[in-house]
Amino acid sequence: MADAIRRELEARKKDLRNAYISANEDLGQLEATTEWVGTLADGADVW
């Protein structure tokens, strides 16, 4: 049972790592995220 859980966790960790790498390689996504964070910060300054 422990081996099955360990394999499942490793598979999920690998999926998350690949998603993170893909997101970082997607320049358009990075620019959109940066712009969104900047817009969010601007809105927070108003409050």
PDB file of N, CA and C in Angstrom:
ATOM      1  N   MET A   1       0.825  -1.191   0.000  1.00  0.00           N
ATOM      2  CA  MET A   1       0.000   0.000   0.000  1.00  0.00           C
ATOM      3  C   MET A   1       0.870   1.256   0.000  1.00  0.00           C
ATOM      4  N   ALA A   2       1.907   1.266   0.811  1.00  0.00           N
ATOM      5  CA  ALA A   2       2.789   2.426   0.874  1.00  0.00           C
ATOM      6  C   ALA A   2       3.457   2.678  -0.472  1.00  0.00           C
ATOM      7  N   ASP A   3       3.802   1.602  -1.176  1.00  0.00           N
ATOM      8  CA  ASP A   3       4.422   1.767  -2.497  1.00  0.00           C
ATOM      9  C   ASP A   3       3.457   2.399  -3.483  1.00  0.00           C
ATOM     10  N   ALA A   4       2.190   2.020  -3.421  1.00  0.00           N
ATOM     11  CA  ALA A   4       1.185   2.593  -4.315  1.00  0.00           C
ATOM     12  C   ALA A   4       1.013   4.083  -4.041  1.00  0.00           C
ATOM     13  N   ILE A   5       0.991   4.447  -2.781  1.00  0.00           N
ATOM     14  CA  ILE A   5       0.863   5.860  -2.406  1.00  0.00           C
ATOM     15  C   ILE A   5       2.094   6.631  -2.862  1.00  0.00           C
ATOM     16  N   ARG A   6       3.261   6.045  -2.658  1.00  0.00           N
ATOM     17  CA  ARG A   6       4.503   6.700  -3.061  1.00  0.00           C
ATOM     18  C   ARG A   6       4.538   6.911  -4.578  1.00  0.00           C
ATOM     19  N   ARG A   7       4.113   5.904  -5.342  1.00  0.00           N
ATOM     20  CA  ARG A   7       4.086   6.044  -6.807  1.00  0.00           C
ATOM     21  C   ARG A   7       3.111   7.135  -7.233  1.00  0.00           C
ATOM     22  N   GLU A   8       1.947   7.185  -6.583  1.00  0.00           N
ATOM     23  CA  GLU A   8       0.954   8.209  -6.913  1.00  0.00           C
ATOM     24  C   GLU A   8       1.488   9.609  -6.599  1.00  0.00           C
ATOM     25  N   LEU A   9       2.125   9.763  -5.458  1.00  0.00           N
ATOM     26  CA  LEU A   9       2.693  11.065  -5.096  1.00  0.00           C
ATOM     27  C   LEU A   9       3.802  11.472  -6.057  1.00  0.00           C
ATOM     28  N   GLU A  10       4.634  10.528  -6.448  1.00  0.00           N
ATOM     29  CA  GLU A  10       5.705  10.826  -7.406  1.00  0.00           C
ATOM     30  C   GLU A  10       5.119  11.242  -8.752  1.00  0.00           C
ATOM     31  N   ALA A  11       4.051  10.569  -9.186  1.00  0.00           N
ATOM     32  CA  ALA A  11       3.414  10.918 -10.457  1.00  0.00           C
ATOM     33  C   ALA A  11       2.832  12.327 -10.394  1.00  0.00           C
ATOM     34  N   ARG A  12       2.191  12.649  -9.288  1.00  0.00           N
ATOM     35  CA  ARG A  12       1.619  13.999  -9.135  1.00  0.00           C
ATOM     36  C   ARG A  12       2.709  15.058  -9.071  1.00  0.00           C
ATOM     37  N   LYS A  13       3.790  14.748  -8.377  1.00  0.00           N
ATOM     38  CA  LYS A  13       4.909  15.688  -8.285  1.00  0.00           C
ATOM     39  C   LYS A  13       5.499  15.939  -9.669  1.00  0.00           C
ATOM     40  N   LYS A  14       5.621  14.878 -10.460  1.00  0.00           N
ATOM     41  CA  LYS A  14       6.145  15.015 -11.814  1.00  0.00           C
ATOM     42  C   LYS A  14       5.207  15.877 -12.666  1.00  0.00           C
ATOM     43  N   ASP A  15       3.900  15.648 -12.555  1.00  0.00           N
ATOM     44  CA  ASP A  15       2.928  16.449 -13.305  1.00  0.00           C
ATOM     45  C   ASP A  15       3.014  17.921 -12.919  1.00  0.00           C
ATOM     46  N   LEU A  16       3.116  18.199 -11.621  1.00  0.00           N
ATOM     47  CA  LEU A  16       3.221  19.587 -11.170  1.00  0.00           C
ATOM     48  C   LEU A  16       4.509  20.238 -11.656  1.00  0.00           C
ATOM     49  N   ARG A  17       5.601  19.494 -11.613  1.00  0.00           N
ATOM     50  CA  ARG A  17       6.884  20.014 -12.080  1.00  0.00           C
ATOM     51  C   ARG A  17       6.802  20.351 -13.570  1.00  0.00           C
ATOM     52  N   ASN A  18       6.208  19.451 -14.358  1.00  0.00           N
ATOM     53  CA  ASN A  18       6.081  19.698 -15.794  1.00  0.00           C
ATOM     54  C   ASN A  18       5.181  20.897 -16.078  1.00  0.00           C
ATOM     55  N   ALA A  19       4.109  21.035 -15.315  1.00  0.00           N
ATOM     56  CA  ALA A  19       3.217  22.181 -15.497  1.00  0.00           C
ATOM     57  C   ALA A  19       3.937  23.483 -15.160  1.00  0.00           C
ATOM     58  N   TYR A  20       4.727  23.471 -14.097  1.00  0.00           N
ATOM     59  CA  TYR A  20       5.490  24.658 -13.699  1.00  0.00           C
ATOM     60  C   TYR A  20       6.500  25.034 -14.777  1.00  0.00           C
ATOM     61  N   ILE A  21       7.196  24.036 -15.300  1.00  0.00           N
ATOM     62  CA  ILE A  21       8.184  24.290 -16.352  1.00  0.00           C
ATOM     63  C   ILE A  21       7.497  24.838 -17.591  1.00  0.00           C
ATOM     64  N   SER A  22       6.367  24.254 -17.965  1.00  0.00           N
ATOM     65  CA  SER A  22       5.638  24.721 -19.142  1.00  0.00           C
ATOM     66  C   SER A  22       5.162  26.152 -18.959  1.00  0.00           C
ATOM     67  N   ALA A  23       4.670  26.470 -17.783  1.00  0.00           N
ATOM     68  CA  ALA A  23       4.183  27.826 -17.521  1.00  0.00           C
ATOM     69  C   ALA A  23       5.324  28.829 -17.596  1.00  0.00           C
ATOM     70  N   ASN A  24       6.487  28.458 -17.090  1.00  0.00           N
ATOM     71  CA  ASN A  24       7.626  29.369 -17.126  1.00  0.00           C
ATOM     72  C   ASN A  24       8.163  29.543 -18.536  1.00  0.00           C
ATOM     73  N   GLU A  25       7.988  28.535 -19.380  1.00  0.00           N
ATOM     74  CA  GLU A  25       8.473  28.636 -20.751  1.00  0.00           C
ATOM     75  C   GLU A  25       7.517  29.420 -21.639  1.00  0.00           C
ATOM     76  N   ASP A  26       6.287  29.591 -21.199  1.00  0.00           N
ATOM     77  CA  ASP A  26       5.283  30.291 -21.982  1.00  0.00           C
ATOM     78  C   ASP A  26       5.398  31.787 -21.689  1.00  0.00           C
ATOM     79  N   LEU A  27       6.141  32.488 -22.530  1.00  0.00           N
ATOM     80  CA  LEU A  27       6.413  33.909 -22.303  1.00  0.00           C
ATOM     81  C   LEU A  27       5.129  34.730 -22.254  1.00  0.00           C
ATOM     82  N   GLY A  28       4.179  34.428 -23.115  1.00  0.00           N
ATOM     83  CA  GLY A  28       2.912  35.153 -23.110  1.00  0.00           C
ATOM     84  C   GLY A  28       2.188  35.013 -21.787  1.00  0.00           C
ATOM     85  N   GLN A  29       2.224  33.813 -21.238  1.00  0.00           N
ATOM     86  CA  GLN A  29       1.587  33.587 -19.941  1.00  0.00           C
ATOM     87  C   GLN A  29       2.313  34.369 -18.856  1.00  0.00           C
ATOM     88  N   LEU A  30       3.619  34.383 -18.922  1.00  0.00           N
ATOM     89  CA  LEU A  30       4.411  35.123 -17.936  1.00  0.00           C
ATOM     90  C   LEU A  30       4.093  36.613 -18.000  1.00  0.00           C
ATOM     91  N   GLU A  31       4.001  37.151 -19.211  1.00  0.00           N
ATOM     92  CA  GLU A  31       3.679  38.574 -19.364  1.00  0.00           C
ATOM     93  C   GLU A  31       2.282  38.873 -18.834  1.00  0.00           C
ATOM     94  N   ALA A  32       1.330  37.995 -19.134  1.00  0.00           N
ATOM     95  CA  ALA A  32      -0.040  38.201 -18.670  1.00  0.00           C
ATOM     96  C   ALA A  32      -0.110  38.139 -17.150  1.00  0.00           C
ATOM     97  N   THR A  33       0.601  37.202 -16.568  1.00  0.00           N
ATOM     98  CA  THR A  33       0.615  37.077 -15.112  1.00  0.00           C
ATOM     99  C   THR A  33       1.251  38.300 -14.479  1.00  0.00           C
ATOM    100  N   THR A  34       2.351  38.773 -15.048  1.00  0.00           N
ATOM    101  CA  THR A  34       3.030  39.953 -14.524  1.00  0.00           C
ATOM    102  C   THR A  34       2.117  41.172 -14.608  1.00  0.00           C
ATOM    103  N   GLU A  35       1.425  41.320 -15.729  1.00  0.00           N
ATOM    104  CA  GLU A  35       0.507  42.443 -15.899  1.00  0.00           C
ATOM    105  C   GLU A  35      -0.638  42.353 -14.895  1.00  0.00           C
ATOM    106  N   TRP A  36      -1.155  41.137 -14.702  1.00  0.00           N
ATOM    107  CA  TRP A  36      -2.252  40.944 -13.762  1.00  0.00           C
ATOM    108  C   TRP A  36      -1.811  41.296 -12.347  1.00  0.00           C
ATOM    109  N   VAL A  37      -0.626  40.861 -11.960  1.00  0.00           N
ATOM    110  CA  VAL A  37      -0.112  41.165 -10.622  1.00  0.00           C
ATOM    111  C   VAL A  37       0.057  42.673 -10.463  1.00  0.00           C
ATOM    112  N   GLY A  38       0.555  43.348 -11.502  1.00  0.00           N
ATOM    113  CA  GLY A  38       0.706  44.800 -11.452  1.00  0.00           C
ATOM    114  C   GLY A  38      -0.630  45.497 -11.319  1.00  0.00           C
ATOM    115  N   THR A  39      -1.624  45.027 -12.052  1.00  0.00           N
ATOM    116  CA  THR A  39      -2.963  45.604 -11.978  1.00  0.00           C
ATOM    117  C   THR A  39      -3.559  45.380 -10.596  1.00  0.00           C
ATOM    118  N   LEU A  40      -3.346  44.191 -10.066  1.00  0.00           N
ATOM    119  CA  LEU A  40      -3.839  43.883  -8.726  1.00  0.00           C
ATOM    120  C   LEU A  40      -3.185  44.797  -7.694  1.00  0.00           C
ATOM    121  N   ALA A  41      -1.896  45.020  -7.829  1.00  0.00           N
ATOM    122  CA  ALA A  41      -1.179  45.899  -6.901  1.00  0.00           C
ATOM    123  C   ALA A  41      -1.701  47.328  -7.009  1.00  0.00           C
ATOM    124  N   ASP A  42      -1.969  47.789  -8.233  1.00  0.00           N
ATOM    125  CA  ASP A  42      -2.510  49.133  -8.413  1.00  0.00           C
ATOM    126  C   ASP A  42      -3.856  49.268  -7.708  1.00  0.00           C
ATOM    127  N   GLY A  43      -4.690  48.240  -7.829  1.00  0.00           N
ATOM    128  CA  GLY A  43      -5.995  48.256  -7.165  1.00  0.00           C
ATOM    129  C   GLY A  43      -5.860  48.244  -5.658  1.00  0.00           C
ATOM    130  N   ALA A  44      -4.871  47.535  -5.148  1.00  0.00           N
ATOM    131  CA  ALA A  44      -4.664  47.462  -3.700  1.00  0.00           C
ATOM    132  C   ALA A  44      -4.229  48.818  -3.154  1.00  0.00           C
ATOM    133  N   ASP A  45      -3.493  49.583  -3.949  1.00  0.00           N
ATOM    134  CA  ASP A  45      -3.049  50.906  -3.514  1.00  0.00           C
ATOM    135  C   ASP A  45      -4.230  51.851  -3.322  1.00  0.00           C
ATOM    136  N   VAL A  46      -5.281  51.664  -4.118  1.00  0.00           N
ATOM    137  CA  VAL A  46      -6.457  52.518  -4.024  1.00  0.00           C
ATOM    138  C   VAL A  46      -7.155  52.315  -2.690  1.00  0.00           C
ATOM    139  N   TRP A  47      -7.192  51.086  -2.229  1.00  0.00           N
ATOM    140  CA  TRP A  47      -7.879  50.784  -0.975  1.00  0.00           C
ATOM    141  C   TRP A  47      -7.038  51.254   0.160  1.00  0.00           C
TER     142      TRP A  47
END
